[in-house]
Amino acid sequence: MSIESADVRIKKILVGIDGSDYSIRALKFGFDLAKKYDSMLVAITAFHIPEIYRIFQNKENFNTISIEDEIIKSKNLLQSIKESAIKNNIDIHTEFVNSRSTPDIAILEYSESNNVDHIILGHRGNSIENLLIGNIANSIVAKSKCSVTVVK
């Protein structure tokens, strides 16, 4: 098989969104790739509350973020992404996944059950798991059954 005869079909692209600069760069790359291959783009936010937060959330004097505010911010960001994609003639689906699993597992499960052909992620994100258990992108690259692009 020659490179000229290779048939590259990317029908569905998943972009992991957490609001970080890296995830926004990944989204821009996803827009470009979706246009090039006339693909559907899925922008997904996998929201996860780590157990350590659940332990401390009711303690006095514990300075925590408001989960509700973060959920609203995430959903507003996904709506903004959807509007931008529509303006750019990109077929898009947005998904907010409130998961008991970590973001990497939630993204992997979604990609496998929804026939995603390619995953695009930012190099580093805003997830607490990046601090506590390692890098989400590294986990997805190692475990994904489809191709993955990590954007810096």
N, C-alpha and C. Protein backbone atom coordinates (compact mmCIF):
# COMPACT_ATOMS: atom_id res chain seq x y z
N MET A 1 0.84 -1.18 0.00
CA MET A 1 0.00 0.00 0.00
C MET A 1 0.88 1.24 0.00
N SER A 2 0.57 2.15 -0.89
CA SER A 2 1.32 3.40 -0.94
C SER A 2 0.61 4.46 -0.12
N ILE A 3 1.34 5.49 0.19
CA ILE A 3 0.77 6.57 0.99
C ILE A 3 -0.35 7.27 0.22
N GLU A 4 -0.24 7.30 -1.10
CA GLU A 4 -1.28 7.93 -1.92
C GLU A 4 -2.59 7.15 -1.86
N SER A 5 -2.52 5.84 -1.70
CA SER A 5 -3.74 5.04 -1.70
C SER A 5 -4.32 4.81 -0.30
N ALA A 6 -3.63 5.30 0.71
CA ALA A 6 -4.13 5.15 2.08
C ALA A 6 -5.39 5.99 2.25
N ASP A 7 -6.42 5.38 2.79
CA ASP A 7 -7.71 6.05 2.98
C ASP A 7 -7.86 6.44 4.44
N VAL A 8 -7.76 7.75 4.71
CA VAL A 8 -7.89 8.23 6.08
C VAL A 8 -9.31 8.74 6.26
N ARG A 9 -10.03 8.11 7.16
CA ARG A 9 -11.39 8.54 7.46
C ARG A 9 -11.50 8.82 8.95
N ILE A 10 -11.77 10.05 9.22
CA ILE A 10 -11.99 10.46 10.60
C ILE A 10 -13.40 11.03 10.64
N LYS A 11 -14.34 10.21 11.06
CA LYS A 11 -15.75 10.62 11.05
C LYS A 11 -16.14 11.37 12.32
N LYS A 12 -15.54 10.97 13.43
CA LYS A 12 -15.92 11.57 14.71
C LYS A 12 -14.67 11.88 15.53
N ILE A 13 -14.54 13.14 15.91
CA ILE A 13 -13.39 13.63 16.68
C ILE A 13 -13.89 14.09 18.05
N LEU A 14 -13.26 13.62 19.10
CA LEU A 14 -13.58 14.04 20.46
C LEU A 14 -12.49 15.00 20.95
N VAL A 15 -12.90 16.13 21.51
CA VAL A 15 -11.96 17.07 22.12
C VAL A 15 -12.32 17.20 23.60
N GLY A 16 -11.34 16.94 24.46
CA GLY A 16 -11.53 17.10 25.90
C GLY A 16 -11.40 18.56 26.29
N ILE A 17 -12.43 19.08 26.95
CA ILE A 17 -12.47 20.50 27.32
C ILE A 17 -12.52 20.64 28.83
N ASP A 18 -11.60 21.43 29.38
CA ASP A 18 -11.67 21.73 30.82
C ASP A 18 -11.50 23.23 31.08
N GLY A 19 -11.45 24.01 30.03
CA GLY A 19 -11.31 25.46 30.18
C GLY A 19 -9.88 25.95 30.22
N SER A 20 -8.91 25.05 30.29
CA SER A 20 -7.50 25.47 30.30
C SER A 20 -7.09 25.99 28.93
N ASP A 21 -6.01 26.77 28.90
CA ASP A 21 -5.49 27.26 27.62
C ASP A 21 -5.16 26.10 26.69
N TYR A 22 -4.60 25.03 27.23
CA TYR A 22 -4.25 23.88 26.40
C TYR A 22 -5.49 23.23 25.79
N SER A 23 -6.59 23.15 26.55
CA SER A 23 -7.79 22.53 25.99
C SER A 23 -8.41 23.42 24.91
N ILE A 24 -8.27 24.73 25.04
CA ILE A 24 -8.78 25.64 24.01
C ILE A 24 -7.92 25.52 22.75
N ARG A 25 -6.62 25.35 22.91
CA ARG A 25 -5.76 25.10 21.73
C ARG A 25 -6.13 23.78 21.07
N ALA A 26 -6.42 22.78 21.88
CA ALA A 26 -6.85 21.48 21.34
C ALA A 26 -8.15 21.64 20.57
N LEU A 27 -9.05 22.45 21.09
CA LEU A 27 -10.32 22.70 20.40
C LEU A 27 -10.09 23.35 19.04
N LYS A 28 -9.22 24.34 18.99
CA LYS A 28 -8.90 25.01 17.71
C LYS A 28 -8.36 23.98 16.72
N PHE A 29 -7.47 23.12 17.18
CA PHE A 29 -6.93 22.05 16.32
C PHE A 29 -8.07 21.13 15.87
N GLY A 30 -8.98 20.82 16.78
CA GLY A 30 -10.13 19.99 16.45
C GLY A 30 -11.03 20.63 15.40
N PHE A 31 -11.24 21.94 15.51
CA PHE A 31 -12.02 22.66 14.50
C PHE A 31 -11.37 22.48 13.12
N ASP A 32 -10.06 22.70 13.07
CA ASP A 32 -9.33 22.59 11.80
C ASP A 32 -9.41 21.18 11.23
N LEU A 33 -9.24 20.19 12.07
CA LEU A 33 -9.29 18.80 11.62
C LEU A 33 -10.71 18.41 11.18
N ALA A 34 -11.70 18.86 11.89
CA ALA A 34 -13.09 18.57 11.53
C ALA A 34 -13.43 19.17 10.16
N LYS A 35 -12.94 20.38 9.90
CA LYS A 35 -13.16 21.01 8.59
C LYS A 35 -12.46 20.21 7.50
N LYS A 36 -11.21 19.83 7.76
CA LYS A 36 -10.42 19.12 6.74
C LYS A 36 -11.06 17.79 6.36
N TYR A 37 -11.55 17.05 7.34
CA TYR A 37 -12.09 15.71 7.08
C TYR A 37 -13.62 15.66 7.08
N ASP A 38 -14.25 16.83 7.15
CA ASP A 38 -15.71 16.90 7.20
C ASP A 38 -16.25 15.96 8.28
N SER A 39 -15.67 16.09 9.46
CA SER A 39 -15.97 15.21 10.59
C SER A 39 -16.92 15.87 11.57
N MET A 40 -17.59 15.03 12.35
CA MET A 40 -18.35 15.54 13.49
C MET A 40 -17.37 15.75 14.64
N LEU A 41 -17.57 16.85 15.34
CA LEU A 41 -16.73 17.16 16.49
C LEU A 41 -17.57 16.99 17.76
N VAL A 42 -17.00 16.31 18.73
CA VAL A 42 -17.64 16.16 20.03
C VAL A 42 -16.76 16.87 21.06
N ALA A 43 -17.30 17.92 21.66
CA ALA A 43 -16.59 18.63 22.72
C ALA A 43 -17.15 18.11 24.04
N ILE A 44 -16.28 17.53 24.86
CA ILE A 44 -16.74 16.88 26.08
C ILE A 44 -16.00 17.43 27.30
N THR A 45 -16.77 17.68 28.34
CA THR A 45 -16.21 18.01 29.64
C THR A 45 -16.56 16.87 30.57
N ALA A 46 -15.56 16.25 31.13
CA ALA A 46 -15.76 15.16 32.08
C ALA A 46 -15.54 15.73 33.48
N PHE A 47 -16.61 16.01 34.16
CA PHE A 47 -16.56 16.63 35.48
C PHE A 47 -16.49 15.55 36.54
N HIS A 48 -15.52 15.67 37.41
CA HIS A 48 -15.29 14.66 38.44
C HIS A 48 -14.97 15.36 39.76
N ILE A 49 -15.62 14.92 40.82
CA ILE A 49 -15.33 15.43 42.15
C ILE A 49 -14.49 14.39 42.87
N PRO A 50 -13.22 14.67 43.09
CA PRO A 50 -12.36 13.69 43.76
C PRO A 50 -12.84 13.39 45.18
N GLU A 51 -12.58 12.20 45.63
CA GLU A 51 -12.99 11.78 46.97
C GLU A 51 -12.44 12.70 48.06
N ILE A 52 -11.22 13.20 47.87
CA ILE A 52 -10.63 14.06 48.90
C ILE A 52 -11.48 15.31 49.10
N TYR A 53 -12.09 15.81 48.01
CA TYR A 53 -12.98 16.96 48.14
C TYR A 53 -14.20 16.58 48.96
N ARG A 54 -14.74 15.40 48.70
CA ARG A 54 -15.94 14.96 49.43
C ARG A 54 -15.65 14.85 50.93
N ILE A 55 -14.43 14.48 51.27
CA ILE A 55 -14.06 14.34 52.69
C ILE A 55 -14.06 15.70 53.38
N PHE A 56 -13.52 16.73 52.69
CA PHE A 56 -13.34 18.03 53.32
C PHE A 56 -14.46 19.04 53.05
N GLN A 57 -15.39 18.75 52.16
CA GLN A 57 -16.34 19.76 51.74
C GLN A 57 -17.23 20.30 52.86
N ASN A 58 -17.44 19.55 53.91
CA ASN A 58 -18.30 20.02 54.98
C ASN A 58 -17.53 20.54 56.20
N LYS A 59 -16.22 20.57 56.12
CA LYS A 59 -15.42 21.05 57.25
C LYS A 59 -15.47 22.58 57.32
N GLU A 60 -15.50 23.10 58.52
CA GLU A 60 -15.45 24.54 58.71
C GLU A 60 -14.10 25.06 58.25
N ASN A 61 -14.11 26.30 57.74
CA ASN A 61 -12.90 27.00 57.34
C ASN A 61 -12.17 26.33 56.17
N PHE A 62 -12.82 25.43 55.49
CA PHE A 62 -12.17 24.81 54.33
C PHE A 62 -12.55 25.62 53.11
N ASN A 63 -11.58 26.27 52.51
CA ASN A 63 -11.83 27.16 51.38
C ASN A 63 -11.94 26.33 50.11
N THR A 64 -13.16 26.11 49.65
CA THR A 64 -13.36 25.29 48.46
C THR A 64 -14.06 26.09 47.38
N ILE A 65 -13.93 25.59 46.18
CA ILE A 65 -14.68 26.17 45.07
C ILE A 65 -16.12 25.69 45.16
N SER A 66 -17.00 26.42 44.60
CA SER A 66 -18.39 25.99 44.56
C SER A 66 -18.57 25.03 43.39
N ILE A 67 -18.97 23.82 43.69
CA ILE A 67 -19.18 22.83 42.64
C ILE A 67 -20.22 23.31 41.65
N GLU A 68 -21.29 23.89 42.16
CA GLU A 68 -22.36 24.37 41.29
C GLU A 68 -21.84 25.43 40.33
N ASP A 69 -21.01 26.35 40.82
CA ASP A 69 -20.45 27.39 39.95
C ASP A 69 -19.56 26.79 38.87
N GLU A 70 -18.79 25.79 39.23
CA GLU A 70 -17.91 25.14 38.25
C GLU A 70 -18.73 24.40 37.19
N ILE A 71 -19.81 23.77 37.59
CA ILE A 71 -20.68 23.09 36.63
C ILE A 71 -21.29 24.10 35.68
N ILE A 72 -21.78 25.20 36.20
CA ILE A 72 -22.37 26.25 35.35
C ILE A 72 -21.33 26.80 34.39
N LYS A 73 -20.11 27.08 34.89
CA LYS A 73 -19.04 27.59 34.02
C LYS A 73 -18.74 26.60 32.90
N SER A 74 -18.66 25.33 33.23
CA SER A 74 -18.36 24.29 32.23
C SER A 74 -19.46 24.21 31.18
N LYS A 75 -20.70 24.23 31.62
CA LYS A 75 -21.82 24.16 30.67
C LYS A 75 -21.89 25.41 29.80
N ASN A 76 -21.60 26.57 30.37
CA ASN A 76 -21.57 27.80 29.57
C ASN A 76 -20.45 27.76 28.53
N LEU A 77 -19.31 27.23 28.92
CA LEU A 77 -18.20 27.10 27.97
C LEU A 77 -18.59 26.17 26.82
N LEU A 78 -19.21 25.05 27.13
CA LEU A 78 -19.66 24.13 26.08
C LEU A 78 -20.67 24.80 25.15
N GLN A 79 -21.57 25.61 25.69
CA GLN A 79 -22.54 26.32 24.86
C GLN A 79 -21.83 27.31 23.94
N SER A 80 -20.85 28.01 24.47
CA SER A 80 -20.07 28.96 23.67
C SER A 80 -19.32 28.24 22.54
N ILE A 81 -18.77 27.08 22.85
CA ILE A 81 -18.06 26.27 21.85
C ILE A 81 -19.02 25.84 20.76
N LYS A 82 -20.21 25.42 21.16
CA LYS A 82 -21.22 24.99 20.18
C LYS A 82 -21.58 26.13 19.23
N GLU A 83 -21.80 27.32 19.78
CA GLU A 83 -22.14 28.48 18.97
C GLU A 83 -21.01 28.82 17.99
N SER A 84 -19.78 28.76 18.46
CA SER A 84 -18.63 29.05 17.59
C SER A 84 -18.50 28.01 16.48
N ALA A 85 -18.72 26.75 16.80
CA ALA A 85 -18.64 25.69 15.79
C ALA A 85 -19.71 25.88 14.72
N ILE A 86 -20.91 26.20 15.15
CA ILE A 86 -22.01 26.40 14.20
C ILE A 86 -21.69 27.56 13.25
N LYS A 87 -21.12 28.65 13.80
CA LYS A 87 -20.72 29.79 12.97
C LYS A 87 -19.66 29.39 11.95
N ASN A 88 -18.85 28.39 12.31
CA ASN A 88 -17.77 27.92 11.42
C ASN A 88 -18.19 26.71 10.58
N ASN A 89 -19.50 26.43 10.54
CA ASN A 89 -20.04 25.31 9.74
C ASN A 89 -19.43 23.97 10.13
N ILE A 90 -19.26 23.76 11.42
CA ILE A 90 -18.74 22.50 11.94
C ILE A 90 -19.87 21.75 12.62
N ASP A 91 -20.04 20.50 12.24
CA ASP A 91 -21.04 19.63 12.87
C ASP A 91 -20.53 19.30 14.28
N ILE A 92 -21.27 19.71 15.28
CA ILE A 92 -20.77 19.55 16.66
C ILE A 92 -21.84 18.98 17.59
N HIS A 93 -21.35 18.26 18.55
CA HIS A 93 -22.16 17.77 19.66
C HIS A 93 -21.36 18.09 20.92
N THR A 94 -22.01 18.67 21.92
CA THR A 94 -21.32 18.91 23.19
C THR A 94 -21.90 17.99 24.24
N GLU A 95 -21.04 17.61 25.16
CA GLU A 95 -21.44 16.64 26.19
C GLU A 95 -20.80 17.03 27.52
N PHE A 96 -21.63 17.15 28.53
CA PHE A 96 -21.16 17.35 29.89
C PHE A 96 -21.36 16.04 30.62
N VAL A 97 -20.27 15.43 31.06
CA VAL A 97 -20.35 14.13 31.73
C VAL A 97 -19.99 14.34 33.19
N ASN A 98 -20.97 14.15 34.07
CA ASN A 98 -20.73 14.22 35.50
C ASN A 98 -20.42 12.79 35.95
N SER A 99 -19.15 12.51 36.14
CA SER A 99 -18.70 11.14 36.29
C SER A 99 -18.18 10.83 37.69
N ARG A 100 -18.42 9.62 38.12
CA ARG A 100 -17.79 9.14 39.35
C ARG A 100 -16.36 8.69 39.06
N SER A 101 -16.08 8.47 37.78
CA SER A 101 -14.73 8.09 37.36
C SER A 101 -13.89 9.34 37.15
N THR A 102 -12.60 9.14 37.06
CA THR A 102 -11.71 10.25 36.73
C THR A 102 -11.94 10.67 35.28
N PRO A 103 -11.55 11.89 34.90
CA PRO A 103 -11.80 12.37 33.54
C PRO A 103 -11.23 11.46 32.44
N ASP A 104 -10.06 10.88 32.67
CA ASP A 104 -9.49 10.02 31.64
C ASP A 104 -10.37 8.80 31.39
N ILE A 105 -10.86 8.17 32.43
CA ILE A 105 -11.72 7.00 32.27
C ILE A 105 -13.04 7.40 31.63
N ALA A 106 -13.62 8.52 32.05
CA ALA A 106 -14.88 8.99 31.47
C ALA A 106 -14.72 9.25 29.97
N ILE A 107 -13.63 9.88 29.57
CA ILE A 107 -13.38 10.16 28.15
C ILE A 107 -13.16 8.88 27.37
N LEU A 108 -12.39 7.97 27.92
CA LEU A 108 -12.16 6.68 27.25
C LEU A 108 -13.46 5.90 27.07
N GLU A 109 -14.26 5.84 28.12
CA GLU A 109 -15.54 5.13 28.03
C GLU A 109 -16.46 5.77 27.00
N TYR A 110 -16.51 7.09 27.00
CA TYR A 110 -17.35 7.79 26.02
C TYR A 110 -16.86 7.51 24.60
N SER A 111 -15.55 7.61 24.40
CA SER A 111 -15.01 7.43 23.04
C SER A 111 -15.27 6.02 22.52
N GLU A 112 -15.15 5.03 23.37
CA GLU A 112 -15.38 3.64 22.93
C GLU A 112 -16.86 3.38 22.67
N SER A 113 -17.73 3.89 23.50
CA SER A 113 -19.16 3.60 23.33
C SER A 113 -19.81 4.46 22.24
N ASN A 114 -19.11 5.48 21.77
CA ASN A 114 -19.67 6.38 20.75
C ASN A 114 -18.87 6.38 19.45
N ASN A 115 -18.06 5.36 19.25
CA ASN A 115 -17.33 5.18 17.99
C ASN A 115 -16.50 6.40 17.56
N VAL A 116 -15.76 6.95 18.50
CA VAL A 116 -14.88 8.07 18.21
C VAL A 116 -13.65 7.55 17.47
N ASP A 117 -13.26 8.26 16.40
CA ASP A 117 -12.11 7.86 15.59
C ASP A 117 -10.81 8.51 16.04
N HIS A 118 -10.92 9.67 16.69
CA HIS A 118 -9.72 10.41 17.06
C HIS A 118 -10.03 11.26 18.28
N ILE A 119 -9.10 11.32 19.22
CA ILE A 119 -9.23 12.13 20.44
C ILE A 119 -8.16 13.21 20.40
N ILE A 120 -8.56 14.43 20.74
CA ILE A 120 -7.62 15.55 20.84
C ILE A 120 -7.70 16.11 22.24
N LEU A 121 -6.54 16.28 22.86
CA LEU A 121 -6.45 16.76 24.25
C LEU A 121 -5.39 17.82 24.38
N GLY A 122 -5.57 18.68 25.37
CA GLY A 122 -4.51 19.60 25.73
C GLY A 122 -3.46 18.86 26.56
N HIS A 123 -2.23 19.35 26.47
CA HIS A 123 -1.10 18.73 27.17
C HIS A 123 -1.31 18.70 28.68
N ARG A 124 -1.78 19.79 29.24
CA ARG A 124 -2.07 19.87 30.67
C ARG A 124 -3.40 20.55 30.84
N GLY A 125 -4.11 20.17 31.87
CA GLY A 125 -5.42 20.77 32.08
C GLY A 125 -5.59 21.31 33.47
N ASN A 126 -6.83 21.64 33.78
CA ASN A 126 -7.18 22.19 35.08
C ASN A 126 -7.61 21.13 36.08
N SER A 127 -7.61 19.88 35.68
CA SER A 127 -8.12 18.82 36.54
C SER A 127 -7.25 18.63 37.77
N ILE A 128 -7.91 18.41 38.90
CA ILE A 128 -7.19 18.12 40.14
C ILE A 128 -6.41 16.81 40.01
N GLU A 129 -6.88 15.91 39.14
CA GLU A 129 -6.18 14.65 38.95
C GLU A 129 -4.79 14.85 38.37
N ASN A 130 -4.57 15.96 37.65
CA ASN A 130 -3.24 16.25 37.15
C ASN A 130 -2.26 16.42 38.29
N LEU A 131 -2.75 16.89 39.44
CA LEU A 131 -1.89 17.07 40.60
C LEU A 131 -1.80 15.81 41.46
N LEU A 132 -2.92 15.10 41.59
CA LEU A 132 -2.98 14.00 42.54
C LEU A 132 -2.55 12.65 41.97
N ILE A 133 -2.96 12.33 40.76
CA ILE A 133 -2.70 10.98 40.28
C ILE A 133 -2.00 10.92 38.94
N GLY A 134 -1.50 12.04 38.46
CA GLY A 134 -0.78 12.00 37.20
C GLY A 134 -1.56 12.65 36.09
N ASN A 135 -0.98 12.64 34.94
CA ASN A 135 -1.50 13.39 33.82
C ASN A 135 -2.61 12.65 33.08
N ILE A 136 -3.74 13.30 32.91
CA ILE A 136 -4.90 12.74 32.21
C ILE A 136 -4.54 12.38 30.78
N ALA A 137 -3.87 13.29 30.09
CA ALA A 137 -3.52 13.05 28.68
C ALA A 137 -2.64 11.80 28.54
N ASN A 138 -1.67 11.63 29.42
CA ASN A 138 -0.81 10.44 29.35
C ASN A 138 -1.62 9.16 29.50
N SER A 139 -2.57 9.17 30.41
CA SER A 139 -3.41 8.00 30.62
C SER A 139 -4.23 7.68 29.38
N ILE A 140 -4.82 8.70 28.76
CA ILE A 140 -5.64 8.48 27.57
C ILE A 140 -4.79 7.98 26.41
N VAL A 141 -3.62 8.56 26.22
CA VAL A 141 -2.72 8.10 25.15
C VAL A 141 -2.39 6.62 25.35
N ALA A 142 -2.11 6.24 26.58
CA ALA A 142 -1.71 4.85 26.86
C ALA A 142 -2.86 3.86 26.69
N LYS A 143 -4.09 4.27 26.98
CA LYS A 143 -5.21 3.33 27.04
C LYS A 143 -6.18 3.39 25.88
N SER A 144 -6.12 4.43 25.08
CA SER A 144 -7.10 4.62 24.02
C SER A 144 -6.98 3.58 22.91
N LYS A 145 -8.12 3.19 22.37
CA LYS A 145 -8.14 2.26 21.24
C LYS A 145 -8.13 3.01 19.91
N CYS A 146 -8.27 4.33 19.93
CA CYS A 146 -8.18 5.12 18.71
C CYS A 146 -6.97 6.05 18.81
N SER A 147 -6.69 6.73 17.71
CA SER A 147 -5.55 7.64 17.71
C SER A 147 -5.83 8.86 18.60
N VAL A 148 -4.75 9.42 19.14
CA VAL A 148 -4.85 10.56 20.06
C VAL A 148 -3.82 11.60 19.67
N THR A 149 -4.24 12.85 19.65
CA THR A 149 -3.32 13.96 19.44
C THR A 149 -3.30 14.78 20.73
N VAL A 150 -2.09 15.10 21.20
CA VAL A 150 -1.93 15.94 22.39
C VAL A 150 -1.35 17.26 21.92
N VAL A 151 -2.05 18.35 22.22
CA VAL A 151 -1.68 19.67 21.76
C VAL A 151 -1.00 20.43 22.89
N LYS A 152 0.15 21.03 22.56
CA LYS A 152 0.88 21.87 23.53
C LYS A 152 0.60 23.32 23.27
